Amino acid sequence: MTDAESDLVLTRTLDVPRDKLWRCWVEPELLKQWFCPKPWYVSEARIDLRPGGEFFTLMNGPDGEQFGEAGVFLEVVEKERLVFTDAFRPGWRPSSRAFMAAEVLFEDAGAGQTRYTARAMHWSVEARKEHEAMGFHEGWGKATDQLLALARTL
């Protein structure tokens, strides 16, 4: 269910089976290759694929910027759904600033295609606006293009 006031959503039908997209999301070395739009890159990824397990990426910008905040998985349904948040750190420790929870859906669309939905659910309208101003639509769109290109090579 989407809340138009606090959610940002990307939905696309991708011409690749969902098991390949899943691998790109859950294997750290694959995730590092596509997760943020170039010229940004991920130098470190940690994935403990279970509820309460760590989800961490260290994103690096072209001018030396770095962004990384450990979060946790809330739900893992193999090859179907991932839900994670930065509201908690590993060990269920509250984070200093909860920004969003994310849901990623992988639905079989037939003929080897996947209906891919990535939803960023924010704690407030202000946080959604901040994320949108950071370039959510363009950035997550480019990252999805990179995800698709990588998945096609598997």
Protein backbone atom coordinates (compact mmCIF):
# COMPACT_ATOMS: atom_id res chain seq x y z
CA MET A 1 0.00 0.00 0.00
CA THR A 2 1.38 3.39 -1.00
CA ASP A 3 0.96 6.61 0.95
CA ALA A 4 1.21 9.43 -1.61
CA GLU A 5 2.27 11.94 1.05
CA SER A 6 5.29 10.07 2.38
CA ASP A 7 6.26 7.47 -0.25
CA LEU A 8 8.36 7.64 -3.39
CA VAL A 9 7.87 4.72 -5.77
CA LEU A 10 9.63 3.37 -8.83
CA THR A 11 7.87 0.58 -10.74
CA ARG A 12 9.16 -0.94 -13.98
CA THR A 13 8.83 -4.16 -15.90
CA LEU A 14 12.35 -5.43 -16.44
CA ASP A 15 13.27 -7.89 -19.15
CA VAL A 16 15.10 -10.31 -16.86
CA PRO A 17 13.92 -13.09 -14.50
CA ARG A 18 13.47 -12.13 -10.87
CA ASP A 19 16.02 -14.64 -9.57
CA LYS A 20 18.77 -12.64 -11.31
CA LEU A 21 17.50 -9.35 -9.90
CA TRP A 22 17.32 -10.97 -6.46
CA ARG A 23 20.96 -12.04 -6.69
CA CYS A 24 21.96 -8.47 -7.56
CA TRP A 25 20.22 -7.26 -4.40
CA VAL A 26 21.45 -9.90 -1.93
CA GLU A 27 25.02 -10.67 -3.02
CA PRO A 28 27.29 -7.88 -1.72
CA GLU A 29 29.76 -8.01 -4.61
CA LEU A 30 26.91 -7.70 -7.13
CA LEU A 31 25.12 -4.97 -5.15
CA LYS A 32 28.30 -2.87 -5.16
CA GLN A 33 28.25 -2.81 -8.97
CA TRP A 34 24.86 -1.12 -9.45
CA PHE A 35 23.39 0.28 -6.22
CA CYS A 36 24.01 3.99 -6.77
CA PRO A 37 24.04 5.98 -10.01
CA LYS A 38 27.46 6.50 -11.57
CA PRO A 39 29.76 8.33 -11.02
CA TRP A 40 28.85 7.42 -7.42
CA TYR A 41 29.94 3.95 -6.36
CA VAL A 42 29.64 1.56 -3.42
CA SER A 43 32.95 0.62 -1.83
CA GLU A 44 31.54 -1.56 0.95
CA ALA A 45 28.38 -3.64 1.28
CA ARG A 46 27.29 -5.88 4.15
CA ILE A 47 24.18 -8.03 3.88
CA ASP A 48 22.95 -10.36 6.61
CA LEU A 49 19.82 -11.64 4.87
CA ARG A 50 17.36 -12.20 7.73
CA PRO A 51 14.97 -10.05 9.78
CA GLY A 52 17.19 -8.03 12.09
CA GLY A 53 20.23 -8.70 9.90
CA GLU A 54 22.41 -5.84 8.76
CA PHE A 55 22.01 -3.99 5.48
CA PHE A 56 24.86 -1.52 4.91
CA THR A 57 26.32 0.25 1.91
CA LEU A 58 29.06 2.86 1.86
CA MET A 59 28.35 5.14 -1.10
CA ASN A 60 31.12 7.36 -2.45
CA GLY A 61 30.72 10.46 -4.58
CA PRO A 62 32.97 11.84 -7.31
CA ASP A 63 34.13 14.71 -5.06
CA GLY A 64 35.03 12.53 -2.08
CA GLU A 65 31.58 12.53 -0.48
CA GLN A 66 30.66 9.47 1.57
CA PHE A 67 27.29 8.31 2.78
CA GLY A 68 26.69 5.17 4.77
CA GLU A 69 24.26 4.32 7.53
CA ALA A 70 23.80 0.79 8.82
CA GLY A 71 20.24 -0.47 8.82
CA VAL A 72 18.43 -3.75 9.24
CA PHE A 73 16.16 -6.01 7.26
CA LEU A 74 12.61 -6.13 8.58
CA GLU A 75 11.33 -8.79 6.16
CA VAL A 76 12.94 -11.16 3.68
CA VAL A 77 10.81 -13.30 1.36
CA GLU A 78 13.20 -15.06 -1.01
CA LYS A 79 12.99 -13.81 -4.60
CA GLU A 80 9.81 -11.85 -3.77
CA ARG A 81 10.28 -9.11 -1.20
CA LEU A 82 12.87 -7.22 0.82
CA VAL A 83 11.99 -4.65 3.47
CA PHE A 84 14.71 -2.73 5.29
CA THR A 85 15.10 0.45 7.30
CA ASP A 86 17.68 2.83 8.68
CA ALA A 87 15.50 3.38 11.78
CA PHE A 88 17.45 0.60 13.51
CA ARG A 89 21.06 -0.47 13.46
CA PRO A 90 22.11 -4.11 13.91
CA GLY A 91 21.09 -5.48 17.30
CA TRP A 92 17.84 -3.50 17.04
CA ARG A 93 19.58 -0.37 18.31
CA PRO A 94 17.65 2.80 17.38
CA SER A 95 19.47 5.00 14.89
CA SER A 96 20.14 8.66 15.53
CA ARG A 97 18.03 9.75 12.55
CA ALA A 98 15.43 7.54 10.95
CA PHE A 99 14.98 8.60 7.34
CA MET A 100 13.07 5.83 5.61
CA ALA A 101 12.05 2.23 5.26
CA ALA A 102 12.30 0.61 1.84
CA GLU A 103 10.35 -2.18 0.21
CA VAL A 104 11.55 -3.94 -2.92
CA LEU A 105 9.17 -6.27 -4.74
CA PHE A 106 10.05 -8.82 -7.42
CA GLU A 107 6.93 -10.09 -9.18
CA ASP A 108 6.94 -12.57 -12.06
CA ALA A 109 5.59 -10.74 -15.12
CA GLY A 110 5.75 -13.75 -17.47
CA ALA A 111 8.02 -14.36 -20.47
CA GLY A 112 11.14 -14.05 -18.30
CA GLN A 113 10.23 -10.54 -17.14
CA THR A 114 9.88 -9.09 -13.66
CA ARG A 115 7.63 -6.35 -12.35
CA TYR A 116 10.10 -4.51 -10.12
CA THR A 117 8.88 -2.07 -7.50
CA ALA A 118 11.13 -0.06 -5.19
CA ARG A 119 9.28 1.99 -2.59
CA ALA A 120 10.93 4.48 -0.21
CA MET A 121 8.62 5.08 2.76
CA HIS A 122 9.54 8.14 4.79
CA TRP A 123 8.79 9.03 8.40
CA SER A 124 7.48 12.43 7.37
CA VAL A 125 6.38 14.48 4.39
CA GLU A 126 9.47 16.64 4.94
CA ALA A 127 11.77 13.60 4.68
CA ARG A 128 10.02 12.54 1.45
CA LYS A 129 10.50 16.02 0.01
CA GLU A 130 14.16 15.97 1.05
CA HIS A 131 14.69 12.61 -0.67
CA GLU A 132 12.87 13.81 -3.79
CA ALA A 133 15.05 16.95 -3.89
CA MET A 134 18.14 14.73 -3.58
CA GLY A 135 17.13 13.23 -6.94
CA PHE A 136 15.17 10.11 -6.00
CA HIS A 137 13.47 9.66 -9.38
CA GLU A 138 16.56 10.22 -11.52
CA GLY A 139 18.95 8.43 -9.15
CA TRP A 140 16.84 5.38 -8.47
CA GLY A 141 15.96 5.23 -12.17
CA LYS A 142 19.65 5.21 -13.19
CA ALA A 143 20.44 2.65 -10.50
CA THR A 144 17.63 0.46 -11.84
CA ASP A 145 19.10 0.73 -15.36
CA GLN A 146 22.45 -0.41 -13.90
CA LEU A 147 20.70 -3.24 -12.01
CA LEU A 148 19.07 -4.44 -15.22
CA ALA A 149 22.32 -4.30 -17.19
CA LEU A 150 24.15 -6.32 -14.53
CA ALA A 151 21.34 -8.87 -14.13
CA ARG A 152 21.40 -9.50 -17.88
CA THR A 153 25.03 -10.65 -17.58
CA LEU A 154 24.26 -13.35 -14.99
